[in-house]
Amino acid sequence: MKHRIFIILTLLLAGFSLSVHAQQSEPQKRHITPVKPSTNKTLSPERGTDDKIIERYVMGDTLSALEEIRKDSLRRIYPHYPKLTDVAFGINIIDPLLMAFGQKYTSIDLSATLNMWNRLQPVIELGVGWAKNSPDGMNFTYKGKISPFVRIGANYNFLFKNDPKYQFYAGLRLGFSFFKYDITNISYHNGYWHEDVPLSIKGESSHALWGSLVAGMRVHVWQNISAGWQVKYQGVFNYKKNTHSDPWFVPGFGKRDRKFAFGFSIYYTLPLMRDRWPVKDINKPKKPPK
């Protein structure tokens, strides 16, 4: 009986050993994750791409090449003009034209505008103004002598992505003028003598400080010549009052109570750092690679 049990256990152990050996001898199967064809596709650069970027594609540096194309696309969408883009010299001719049609005062000013990055534009305006007015139904003549004025400020060009020849901007101005004026042909009625007595107030001097909100546009006309329009909302901060009179006209501002003013100027523009300007088709961004 004991011999039978020993034989059975021996046979069972032999069978188990053969089974384990058979399992170890079988080759193990690898589990491979399938790759979609679209993820294994090499993207080719767009026609017209820079040679250096194409070299990166050829060398297999696809990620770096795509990053460079992305940066190039941003440069095309947001072109970067050099710090000193151009300088424009202008002359405002609207007041002389209006004076020819009956306006009683005028101002002529020259301006210099420095265009930085085709966005921020510091401006200085220098000029002279004068006036002569005999109001209907009034008994005096106001004569503002030729006097200088200055305005300083800055514009912001909203069309900074476009060619500097075309601009739409808003800005601020601060103006100052020191001037003199006469009031003559004053007719004063003397109640005692029952007659009109002529009076004159001459050599009155004053000064004024004012500010303006400006909106304007500029368009190209021919070669370096352009034309521009401006509308201003303005107000006098303070002015000198005299004992016997107040100034009616402020050079560079207009009538003292004037809230709106308009300008029309002719400009001559000198490009600066032209070799660093974006290419002409800067506003036509290329399509990103698929």
C-alpha atoms as a PDB file:
ATOM      1  CA  MET A   1       0.000   0.000   0.000  1.00  0.00           C
ATOM      2  CA  LYS A   2       2.768   2.409   0.864  1.00  0.00           C
ATOM      3  CA  HIS A   3       4.553   1.587  -2.405  1.00  0.00           C
ATOM      4  CA  ARG A   4       1.416   2.470  -4.386  1.00  0.00           C
ATOM      5  CA  ILE A   5       1.044   5.848  -2.680  1.00  0.00           C
ATOM      6  CA  PHE A   6       4.720   6.675  -3.318  1.00  0.00           C
ATOM      7  CA  ILE A   7       4.394   5.771  -7.014  1.00  0.00           C
ATOM      8  CA  ILE A   8       1.275   7.989  -7.430  1.00  0.00           C
ATOM      9  CA  LEU A   9       3.011  11.000  -5.768  1.00  0.00           C
ATOM     10  CA  THR A  10       6.082  10.491  -7.932  1.00  0.00           C
ATOM     11  CA  LEU A  11       3.979  10.487 -11.118  1.00  0.00           C
ATOM     12  CA  LEU A  12       2.105  13.663 -10.036  1.00  0.00           C
ATOM     13  CA  LEU A  13       5.359  15.542  -9.311  1.00  0.00           C
ATOM     14  CA  ALA A  14       6.807  14.457 -12.654  1.00  0.00           C
ATOM     15  CA  GLY A  15       3.726  15.714 -14.521  1.00  0.00           C
ATOM     16  CA  PHE A  16       3.807  19.089 -12.723  1.00  0.00           C
ATOM     17  CA  SER A  17       7.506  19.524 -13.546  1.00  0.00           C
ATOM     18  CA  LEU A  18       6.904  18.812 -17.257  1.00  0.00           C
ATOM     19  CA  SER A  19       4.028  21.351 -17.343  1.00  0.00           C
ATOM     20  CA  VAL A  20       6.155  24.116 -15.816  1.00  0.00           C
ATOM     21  CA  HIS A  21       9.009  23.416 -18.209  1.00  0.00           C
ATOM     22  CA  ALA A  22       6.658  23.553 -21.210  1.00  0.00           C
ATOM     23  CA  GLN A  23       5.278  26.940 -20.145  1.00  0.00           C
ATOM     24  CA  GLN A  24       8.785  28.392 -19.715  1.00  0.00           C
ATOM     25  CA  SER A  25       9.879  27.161 -23.132  1.00  0.00           C
ATOM     26  CA  GLU A  26       6.990  28.938 -24.983  1.00  0.00           C
ATOM     27  CA  PRO A  27       8.002  32.383 -26.438  1.00  0.00           C
ATOM     28  CA  GLN A  28       6.342  35.429 -24.802  1.00  0.00           C
ATOM     29  CA  LYS A  29       4.047  37.533 -26.986  1.00  0.00           C
ATOM     30  CA  ARG A  30       4.598  41.354 -27.115  1.00  0.00           C
ATOM     31  CA  HIS A  31       1.656  43.730 -26.931  1.00  0.00           C
ATOM     32  CA  ILE A  32       2.187  46.557 -29.428  1.00  0.00           C
ATOM     33  CA  THR A  33      -0.001  49.638 -29.346  1.00  0.00           C
ATOM     34  CA  PRO A  34      -1.170  50.445 -32.885  1.00  0.00           C
ATOM     35  CA  VAL A  35      -0.070  53.841 -34.257  1.00  0.00           C
ATOM     36  CA  LYS A  36      -2.493  55.909 -36.292  1.00  0.00           C
ATOM     37  CA  PRO A  37      -1.162  56.823 -39.709  1.00  0.00           C
ATOM     38  CA  SER A  38      -1.928  60.530 -39.134  1.00  0.00           C
ATOM     39  CA  THR A  39       0.351  60.664 -36.101  1.00  0.00           C
ATOM     40  CA  ASN A  40       3.232  59.147 -38.010  1.00  0.00           C
ATOM     41  CA  LYS A  41       3.075  61.698 -40.852  1.00  0.00           C
ATOM     42  CA  THR A  42       5.954  64.088 -41.370  1.00  0.00           C
ATOM     43  CA  LEU A  43       4.734  67.643 -41.897  1.00  0.00           C
ATOM     44  CA  SER A  44       6.352  69.379 -44.809  1.00  0.00           C
ATOM     45  CA  PRO A  45       7.075  73.127 -44.698  1.00  0.00           C
ATOM     46  CA  GLU A  46       4.984  75.512 -46.732  1.00  0.00           C
ATOM     47  CA  ARG A  47       6.314  76.789 -50.005  1.00  0.00           C
ATOM     48  CA  GLY A  48       8.318  79.954 -49.486  1.00  0.00           C
ATOM     49  CA  THR A  49       9.502  78.962 -46.013  1.00  0.00           C
ATOM     50  CA  ASP A  50      12.939  80.184 -45.014  1.00  0.00           C
ATOM     51  CA  ASP A  51      15.813  77.841 -45.941  1.00  0.00           C
ATOM     52  CA  LYS A  52      16.998  77.592 -42.343  1.00  0.00           C
ATOM     53  CA  ILE A  53      13.595  76.292 -41.277  1.00  0.00           C
ATOM     54  CA  ILE A  54      13.616  73.763 -44.140  1.00  0.00           C
ATOM     55  CA  GLU A  55      16.999  72.510 -42.934  1.00  0.00           C
ATOM     56  CA  ARG A  56      15.467  71.830 -39.547  1.00  0.00           C
ATOM     57  CA  TYR A  57      12.752  69.743 -41.233  1.00  0.00           C
ATOM     58  CA  VAL A  58      15.355  67.757 -43.178  1.00  0.00           C
ATOM     59  CA  MET A  59      17.381  67.097 -40.016  1.00  0.00           C
ATOM     60  CA  GLY A  60      14.236  65.878 -38.296  1.00  0.00           C
ATOM     61  CA  ASP A  61      13.889  68.852 -35.925  1.00  0.00           C
ATOM     62  CA  THR A  62      10.205  69.272 -36.740  1.00  0.00           C
ATOM     63  CA  LEU A  63       9.152  70.765 -33.400  1.00  0.00           C
ATOM     64  CA  SER A  64      11.774  73.519 -33.585  1.00  0.00           C
ATOM     65  CA  ALA A  65      10.804  74.299 -37.174  1.00  0.00           C
ATOM     66  CA  LEU A  66       7.114  74.563 -36.280  1.00  0.00           C
ATOM     67  CA  GLU A  67       7.951  76.891 -33.388  1.00  0.00           C
ATOM     68  CA  GLU A  68       9.935  79.138 -35.712  1.00  0.00           C
ATOM     69  CA  ILE A  69       7.048  79.226 -38.190  1.00  0.00           C
ATOM     70  CA  ARG A  70       4.681  80.144 -35.336  1.00  0.00           C
ATOM     71  CA  LYS A  71       6.939  83.040 -34.341  1.00  0.00           C
ATOM     72  CA  ASP A  72       7.183  84.141 -37.967  1.00  0.00           C
ATOM     73  CA  SER A  73       3.367  84.076 -38.245  1.00  0.00           C
ATOM     74  CA  LEU A  74       3.093  86.274 -35.156  1.00  0.00           C
ATOM     75  CA  ARG A  75       5.579  88.716 -36.679  1.00  0.00           C
ATOM     76  CA  ARG A  76       3.415  88.854 -39.772  1.00  0.00           C
ATOM     77  CA  ILE A  77       0.212  89.374 -37.805  1.00  0.00           C
ATOM     78  CA  TYR A  78       1.847  91.923 -35.482  1.00  0.00           C
ATOM     79  CA  PRO A  79       4.595  93.542 -37.559  1.00  0.00           C
ATOM     80  CA  HIS A  80       7.313  95.281 -35.590  1.00  0.00           C
ATOM     81  CA  TYR A  81       8.447  98.566 -37.059  1.00  0.00           C
ATOM     82  CA  PRO A  82      11.718 100.026 -35.791  1.00  0.00           C
ATOM     83  CA  LYS A  83      11.746 102.400 -32.845  1.00  0.00           C
ATOM     84  CA  LEU A  84      12.350 105.398 -35.118  1.00  0.00           C
ATOM     85  CA  THR A  85       9.972 104.653 -37.986  1.00  0.00           C
ATOM     86  CA  ASP A  86       9.743 108.102 -39.575  1.00  0.00           C
ATOM     87  CA  VAL A  87       9.431 111.822 -38.927  1.00  0.00           C
ATOM     88  CA  ALA A  88       6.754 113.978 -40.546  1.00  0.00           C
ATOM     89  CA  PHE A  89       6.748 117.754 -40.985  1.00  0.00           C
ATOM     90  CA  GLY A  90       3.368 119.397 -41.522  1.00  0.00           C
ATOM     91  CA  ILE A  91       1.693 122.746 -42.060  1.00  0.00           C
ATOM     92  CA  ASN A  92      -1.878 123.412 -40.963  1.00  0.00           C
ATOM     93  CA  ILE A  93      -3.679 125.500 -43.584  1.00  0.00           C
ATOM     94  CA  ILE A  94      -7.324 125.314 -42.487  1.00  0.00           C
ATOM     95  CA  ASP A  95      -7.486 128.685 -40.676  1.00  0.00           C
ATOM     96  CA  PRO A  96      -5.987 130.746 -43.555  1.00  0.00           C
ATOM     97  CA  LEU A  97      -8.545 129.153 -45.893  1.00  0.00           C
ATOM     98  CA  LEU A  98     -11.402 129.940 -43.517  1.00  0.00           C
ATOM     99  CA  MET A  99     -10.169 133.501 -43.061  1.00  0.00           C
ATOM    100  CA  ALA A 100     -10.392 133.938 -46.834  1.00  0.00           C
ATOM    101  CA  PHE A 101     -14.093 133.075 -46.495  1.00  0.00           C
ATOM    102  CA  GLY A 102     -14.781 135.569 -43.716  1.00  0.00           C
ATOM    103  CA  GLN A 103     -13.378 134.132 -40.498  1.00  0.00           C
ATOM    104  CA  LYS A 104     -12.143 136.966 -38.249  1.00  0.00           C
ATOM    105  CA  TYR A 105      -9.041 135.228 -36.879  1.00  0.00           C
ATOM    106  CA  THR A 106      -6.401 132.765 -38.006  1.00  0.00           C
ATOM    107  CA  SER A 107      -3.509 130.640 -36.813  1.00  0.00           C
ATOM    108  CA  ILE A 108      -0.762 129.051 -38.886  1.00  0.00           C
ATOM    109  CA  ASP A 109       1.331 126.307 -37.333  1.00  0.00           C
ATOM    110  CA  LEU A 110       4.143 123.986 -38.347  1.00  0.00           C
ATOM    111  CA  SER A 111       4.371 120.552 -36.757  1.00  0.00           C
ATOM    112  CA  ALA A 112       6.985 117.842 -36.337  1.00  0.00           C
ATOM    113  CA  THR A 113       5.824 114.302 -35.531  1.00  0.00           C
ATOM    114  CA  LEU A 114       8.210 111.505 -34.589  1.00  0.00           C
ATOM    115  CA  ASN A 115       6.695 108.093 -35.344  1.00  0.00           C
ATOM    116  CA  MET A 116       7.989 105.437 -32.909  1.00  0.00           C
ATOM    117  CA  TRP A 117       7.235 101.750 -33.631  1.00  0.00           C
ATOM    118  CA  ASN A 118       4.479 103.118 -35.911  1.00  0.00           C
ATOM    119  CA  ARG A 119       2.402 103.530 -32.714  1.00  0.00           C
ATOM    120  CA  LEU A 120       3.469 106.252 -30.302  1.00  0.00           C
ATOM    121  CA  GLN A 121       4.014 109.680 -31.882  1.00  0.00           C
ATOM    122  CA  PRO A 122       5.370 112.630 -29.887  1.00  0.00           C
ATOM    123  CA  VAL A 123       4.292 115.904 -31.509  1.00  0.00           C
ATOM    124  CA  ILE A 124       5.381 119.531 -31.272  1.00  0.00           C
ATOM    125  CA  GLU A 125       3.494 122.357 -33.022  1.00  0.00           C
ATOM    126  CA  LEU A 126       4.753 125.928 -33.340  1.00  0.00           C
ATOM    127  CA  GLY A 127       2.937 128.820 -34.941  1.00  0.00           C
ATOM    128  CA  VAL A 128       1.556 132.323 -34.877  1.00  0.00           C
ATOM    129  CA  GLY A 129      -1.959 133.724 -34.742  1.00  0.00           C
ATOM    130  CA  TRP A 130      -3.745 137.031 -35.086  1.00  0.00           C
ATOM    131  CA  ALA A 131      -7.280 138.421 -35.233  1.00  0.00           C
ATOM    132  CA  LYS A 132      -9.326 141.452 -36.278  1.00  0.00           C
ATOM    133  CA  ASN A 133     -13.007 141.672 -35.585  1.00  0.00           C
ATOM    134  CA  SER A 134     -15.639 144.408 -35.484  1.00  0.00           C
ATOM    135  CA  PRO A 135     -18.753 142.558 -34.275  1.00  0.00           C
ATOM    136  CA  ASP A 136     -22.021 143.566 -35.862  1.00  0.00           C
ATOM    137  CA  GLY A 137     -24.096 145.701 -33.526  1.00  0.00           C
ATOM    138  CA  MET A 138     -21.145 146.326 -31.196  1.00  0.00           C
ATOM    139  CA  ASN A 139     -19.224 149.545 -30.701  1.00  0.00           C
ATOM    140  CA  PHE A 140     -15.608 148.341 -30.780  1.00  0.00           C
ATOM    141  CA  THR A 141     -12.918 146.675 -32.892  1.00  0.00           C
ATOM    142  CA  TYR A 142     -10.803 143.881 -31.457  1.00  0.00           C
ATOM    143  CA  LYS A 143      -7.326 143.499 -32.942  1.00  0.00           C
ATOM    144  CA  GLY A 144      -5.139 140.622 -31.813  1.00  0.00           C
ATOM    145  CA  LYS A 145      -1.528 141.241 -32.737  1.00  0.00           C
ATOM    146  CA  ILE A 146       0.604 138.550 -34.373  1.00  0.00           C
ATOM    147  CA  SER A 147       1.720 136.379 -31.440  1.00  0.00           C
ATOM    148  CA  PRO A 148       3.412 132.984 -31.093  1.00  0.00           C
ATOM    149  CA  PHE A 149       2.095 129.795 -29.552  1.00  0.00           C
ATOM    150  CA  VAL A 150       3.300 126.264 -28.900  1.00  0.00           C
ATOM    151  CA  ARG A 151       1.508 122.943 -28.514  1.00  0.00           C
ATOM    152  CA  ILE A 152       3.074 119.692 -27.367  1.00  0.00           C
ATOM    153  CA  GLY A 153       1.571 116.238 -27.025  1.00  0.00           C
ATOM    154  CA  ALA A 154       1.440 112.748 -28.491  1.00  0.00           C
ATOM    155  CA  ASN A 155      -0.695 110.531 -30.740  1.00  0.00           C
ATOM    156  CA  TYR A 156      -1.430 106.814 -30.683  1.00  0.00           C
ATOM    157  CA  ASN A 157      -1.752 105.253 -34.132  1.00  0.00           C
ATOM    158  CA  PHE A 158      -4.431 102.550 -34.188  1.00  0.00           C
ATOM    159  CA  LEU A 159      -3.301 101.359 -37.636  1.00  0.00           C
ATOM    160  CA  PHE A 160       0.126 100.312 -36.381  1.00  0.00           C
ATOM    161  CA  LYS A 161      -0.076  97.030 -38.326  1.00  0.00           C
ATOM    162  CA  ASN A 162      -0.394  98.895 -41.620  1.00  0.00           C
ATOM    163  CA  ASP A 163       1.875 101.000 -43.764  1.00  0.00           C
ATOM    164  CA  PRO A 164       2.833 104.227 -41.923  1.00  0.00           C
ATOM    165  CA  LYS A 165       1.543 106.189 -44.921  1.00  0.00           C
ATOM    166  CA  TYR A 166      -1.989 105.559 -43.635  1.00  0.00           C
ATOM    167  CA  GLN A 167      -2.858 106.401 -40.041  1.00  0.00           C
ATOM    168  CA  PHE A 168      -5.844 106.789 -37.767  1.00  0.00           C
ATOM    169  CA  TYR A 169      -4.939 108.183 -34.371  1.00  0.00           C
ATOM    170  CA  ALA A 170      -6.068 109.849 -31.158  1.00  0.00           C
ATOM    171  CA  GLY A 171      -3.991 112.075 -28.939  1.00  0.00           C
ATOM    172  CA  LEU A 172      -3.574 114.863 -26.427  1.00  0.00           C
ATOM    173  CA  ARG A 173      -2.213 118.401 -26.719  1.00  0.00           C
ATOM    174  CA  LEU A 174      -1.151 121.025 -24.200  1.00  0.00           C
ATOM    175  CA  GLY A 175      -0.891 124.568 -25.563  1.00  0.00           C
ATOM    176  CA  PHE A 176       0.467 127.892 -24.360  1.00  0.00           C
ATOM    177  CA  SER A 177       0.554 131.374 -25.832  1.00  0.00           C
ATOM    178  CA  PHE A 178       1.687 134.834 -24.748  1.00  0.00           C
ATOM    179  CA  PHE A 179      -0.031 137.569 -26.775  1.00  0.00           C
ATOM    180  CA  LYS A 180      -1.105 141.212 -26.982  1.00  0.00           C
ATOM    181  CA  TYR A 181      -4.224 142.896 -28.314  1.00  0.00           C
ATOM    182  CA  ASP A 182      -5.900 146.296 -28.788  1.00  0.00           C
ATOM    183  CA  ILE A 183      -9.542 147.321 -28.462  1.00  0.00           C
ATOM    184  CA  THR A 184     -10.219 150.442 -30.503  1.00  0.00           C
ATOM    185  CA  ASN A 185     -13.113 152.482 -31.893  1.00  0.00           C
ATOM    186  CA  ILE A 186     -14.998 152.170 -28.639  1.00  0.00           C
ATOM    187  CA  SER A 187     -17.965 154.528 -28.734  1.00  0.00           C
ATOM    188  CA  TYR A 188     -18.915 155.755 -25.255  1.00  0.00           C
ATOM    189  CA  HIS A 189     -22.004 157.928 -24.853  1.00  0.00           C
ATOM    190  CA  ASN A 190     -21.493 160.788 -22.374  1.00  0.00           C
ATOM    191  CA  GLY A 191     -24.804 161.438 -20.668  1.00  0.00           C
ATOM    192  CA  TYR A 192     -23.719 164.846 -19.392  1.00  0.00           C
ATOM    193  CA  TRP A 193     -22.546 166.293 -22.699  1.00  0.00           C
ATOM    194  CA  HIS A 194     -25.000 164.147 -24.714  1.00  0.00           C
ATOM    195  CA  GLU A 195     -22.375 163.088 -27.207  1.00  0.00           C
ATOM    196  CA  ASP A 196     -20.362 159.990 -28.134  1.00  0.00           C
ATOM    197  CA  VAL A 197     -16.783 159.917 -26.875  1.00  0.00           C
ATOM    198  CA  PRO A 198     -14.257 157.636 -28.705  1.00  0.00           C
ATOM    199  CA  LEU A 199     -12.098 155.441 -26.485  1.00  0.00           C
ATOM    200  CA  SER A 200      -9.275 152.979 -27.071  1.00  0.00           C
ATOM    201  CA  ILE A 201      -7.598 150.338 -24.937  1.00  0.00           C
ATOM    202  CA  LYS A 202      -4.199 149.519 -26.395  1.00  0.00           C
ATOM    203  CA  GLY A 203      -1.272 147.344 -25.491  1.00  0.00           C
ATOM    204  CA  GLU A 204      -3.204 144.830 -23.405  1.00  0.00           C
ATOM    205  CA  SER A 205      -1.177 141.677 -22.746  1.00  0.00           C
ATOM    206  CA  SER A 206      -2.296 138.230 -21.651  1.00  0.00           C
ATOM    207  CA  HIS A 207      -1.338 134.579 -21.705  1.00  0.00           C
ATOM    208  CA  ALA A 208      -3.340 131.369 -21.804  1.00  0.00           C
ATOM    209  CA  LEU A 209      -2.900 127.651 -21.126  1.00  0.00           C
ATOM    210  CA  TRP A 210      -5.226 125.114 -22.726  1.00  0.00           C
ATOM    211  CA  GLY A 211      -5.622 121.424 -23.541  1.00  0.00           C
ATOM    212  CA  SER A 212      -7.130 119.421 -26.394  1.00  0.00           C
ATOM    213  CA  LEU A 213      -8.334 115.921 -27.179  1.00  0.00           C
ATOM    214  CA  VAL A 214      -7.426 115.114 -30.785  1.00  0.00           C
ATOM    215  CA  ALA A 215      -8.661 112.550 -33.302  1.00  0.00           C
ATOM    216  CA  GLY A 216      -7.344 112.459 -36.841  1.00  0.00           C
ATOM    217  CA  MET A 217      -6.331 110.514 -39.904  1.00  0.00           C
ATOM    218  CA  ARG A 218      -3.617 110.733 -42.536  1.00  0.00           C
ATOM    219  CA  VAL A 219      -3.534 109.380 -46.101  1.00  0.00           C
ATOM    220  CA  HIS A 220      -0.820 109.089 -48.697  1.00  0.00           C
ATOM    221  CA  VAL A 221      -1.011 111.516 -51.638  1.00  0.00           C
ATOM    222  CA  TRP A 222       2.189 111.258 -53.663  1.00  0.00           C
ATOM    223  CA  GLN A 223       5.678 109.974 -52.901  1.00  0.00           C
ATOM    224  CA  ASN A 224       6.537 111.442 -49.451  1.00  0.00           C
ATOM    225  CA  ILE A 225       3.534 113.808 -49.428  1.00  0.00           C
ATOM    226  CA  SER A 226       0.436 113.044 -47.366  1.00  0.00           C
ATOM    227  CA  ALA A 227      -2.630 114.916 -46.137  1.00  0.00           C
ATOM    228  CA  GLY A 228      -4.376 114.755 -42.786  1.00  0.00           C
ATOM    229  CA  TRP A 229      -7.531 115.887 -41.021  1.00  0.00           C
ATOM    230  CA  GLN A 230      -8.027 116.582 -37.324  1.00  0.00           C
ATOM    231  CA  VAL A 231     -10.928 117.310 -35.014  1.00  0.00           C
ATOM    232  CA  LYS A 232     -10.278 118.707 -31.525  1.00  0.00           C
ATOM    233  CA  TYR A 233     -12.288 119.056 -28.362  1.00  0.00           C
ATOM    234  CA  GLN A 234     -10.567 121.761 -26.331  1.00  0.00           C
ATOM    235  CA  GLY A 235     -10.816 124.048 -23.345  1.00  0.00           C
ATOM    236  CA  VAL A 236      -8.847 126.881 -21.706  1.00  0.00           C
ATOM    237  CA  PHE A 237      -7.432 125.966 -18.314  1.00  0.00           C
ATOM    238  CA  ASN A 238      -6.605 129.541 -17.337  1.00  0.00           C
ATOM    239  CA  TYR A 239      -5.811 132.927 -18.859  1.00  0.00           C
ATOM    240  CA  LYS A 240      -4.766 136.347 -17.641  1.00  0.00           C
ATOM    241  CA  LYS A 241      -7.621 138.782 -17.074  1.00  0.00           C
ATOM    242  CA  ASN A 242      -6.946 142.494 -17.452  1.00  0.00           C
ATOM    243  CA  THR A 243      -8.489 145.354 -15.509  1.00  0.00           C
ATOM    244  CA  HIS A 244     -10.414 146.812 -18.423  1.00  0.00           C
ATOM    245  CA  SER A 245     -10.807 143.824 -20.759  1.00  0.00           C
ATOM    246  CA  ASP A 246     -10.591 140.096 -21.344  1.00  0.00           C
ATOM    247  CA  PRO A 247      -9.000 138.532 -24.429  1.00  0.00           C
ATOM    248  CA  TRP A 248     -11.456 137.431 -27.110  1.00  0.00           C
ATOM    249  CA  PHE A 249      -8.934 135.488 -29.193  1.00  0.00           C
ATOM    250  CA  VAL A 250      -6.094 133.131 -28.139  1.00  0.00           C
ATOM    251  CA  PRO A 251      -3.428 132.332 -30.773  1.00  0.00           C
ATOM    252  CA  GLY A 252      -3.332 128.606 -31.486  1.00  0.00           C
ATOM    253  CA  PHE A 253      -6.702 128.083 -29.826  1.00  0.00           C
ATOM    254  CA  GLY A 254      -9.183 130.415 -31.501  1.00  0.00           C
ATOM    255  CA  LYS A 255     -12.038 132.204 -29.812  1.00  0.00           C
ATOM    256  CA  ARG A 256     -11.711 131.847 -26.058  1.00  0.00           C
ATOM    257  CA  ASP A 257     -15.081 130.079 -25.701  1.00  0.00           C
ATOM    258  CA  ARG A 258     -14.516 127.778 -28.677  1.00  0.00           C
ATOM    259  CA  LYS A 259     -14.967 124.079 -27.790  1.00  0.00           C
ATOM    260  CA  PHE A 260     -14.381 122.372 -31.135  1.00  0.00           C
ATOM    261  CA  ALA A 261     -11.678 123.034 -33.696  1.00  0.00           C
ATOM    262  CA  PHE A 262     -10.697 121.446 -36.990  1.00  0.00           C
ATOM    263  CA  GLY A 263      -7.433 121.130 -38.842  1.00  0.00           C
ATOM    264  CA  PHE A 264      -6.208 120.191 -42.289  1.00  0.00           C
ATOM    265  CA  SER A 265      -2.483 119.705 -42.827  1.00  0.00           C
ATOM    266  CA  ILE A 266      -0.069 118.770 -45.572  1.00  0.00           C
ATOM    267  CA  TYR A 267       2.854 116.552 -44.476  1.00  0.00           C
ATOM    268  CA  TYR A 268       6.264 115.643 -45.802  1.00  0.00           C
ATOM    269  CA  THR A 269       7.538 112.370 -44.322  1.00  0.00           C
ATOM    270  CA  LEU A 270      11.139 111.185 -43.995  1.00  0.00           C
ATOM    271  CA  PRO A 271      11.438 107.405 -43.395  1.00  0.00           C
ATOM    272  CA  LEU A 272      13.937 106.351 -40.716  1.00  0.00           C
ATOM    273  CA  MET A 273      15.704 102.988 -40.306  1.00  0.00           C
ATOM    274  CA  ARG A 274      14.028 101.826 -43.517  1.00  0.00           C
ATOM    275  CA  ASP A 275      16.125  98.656 -43.746  1.00  0.00           C
ATOM    276  CA  ARG A 276      14.385  97.384 -40.609  1.00  0.00           C
ATOM    277  CA  TRP A 277      10.834  97.929 -41.846  1.00  0.00           C
ATOM    278  CA  PRO A 278       8.685  94.802 -42.366  1.00  0.00           C
ATOM    279  CA  VAL A 279       8.308  93.497 -45.917  1.00  0.00           C
ATOM    280  CA  LYS A 280       5.540  94.933 -48.077  1.00  0.00           C
ATOM    281  CA  ASP A 281       3.292  91.868 -47.790  1.00  0.00           C
ATOM    282  CA  ILE A 282       3.545  91.956 -44.011  1.00  0.00           C
ATOM    283  CA  ASN A 283      -0.228  92.190 -43.699  1.00  0.00           C
ATOM    284  CA  LYS A 284      -0.805  88.966 -45.650  1.00  0.00           C
ATOM    285  CA  PRO A 285       0.120  86.202 -43.189  1.00  0.00           C
ATOM    286  CA  LYS A 286       0.888  82.804 -44.608  1.00  0.00           C
ATOM    287  CA  LYS A 287      -1.373  79.859 -43.857  1.00  0.00           C
ATOM    288  CA  PRO A 288      -0.043  77.665 -41.019  1.00  0.00           C
ATOM    289  CA  PRO A 289       1.245  74.256 -42.087  1.00  0.00           C
ATOM    290  CA  LYS A 290      -1.315  71.447 -41.941  1.00  0.00           C
END
